[in-house]
Amino acid sequence: MNDTVWSYRDSTWSEDRDLVGYEVEADGGSIGTVDSASTETAAQWLVVDTGFWIFGKKRVIPAGVVVGMDHDAKRVIISMSKDQVKAAPDYEDSEWAHEDARLRHAAYYEPYAGQDRA
C-alpha cells in the first residue's frame, strides 16, 4: 500500500490520542465525526460517520489526507472537499479486511494524499 495515503504527516497527531468523536472538517465544512480510528502502525485511517449528510454512510479517511488536528477543539482537518469525500467509495466494515477493498480506497484517495488544503 502507498505509505503517503496511509501515514499521518505528523506522527504526533494521533500519538496517545483517542480521536473518536472528533469532528472532521473538509473544504466546505464538516463531513461528520470520527466513529473509529485505526491503531495499525503500517496503515492508519479514520472511519467517519457522515450522519444524514450522505444518508448515514461511513467513509474511510486515510491518514495521508489529514492536514491538521486541533486537539483542543477536537477537530481533524483534511485536504479534500466535501464533494470529493461524498464521491469516495462507501466503507463497509465486513469488506474492510479484504485487501481489494483497501486497494480500491487507496487508489481513490492517492491524488489527495500529501496535498495541502485547497
Foldseek 3Di string as FASTA:
>chain_A
DDQLQFDAPDNVVPPPDFLFQAWEAAVVGTQAGFNHWDPDPRGIWTWGQRPPPLDRFIFIRHNQQFPDADVVNSYTYGQHHNVLRSPADTDDPVCVVDVVVVVSRCVSCVVNGPDHHD
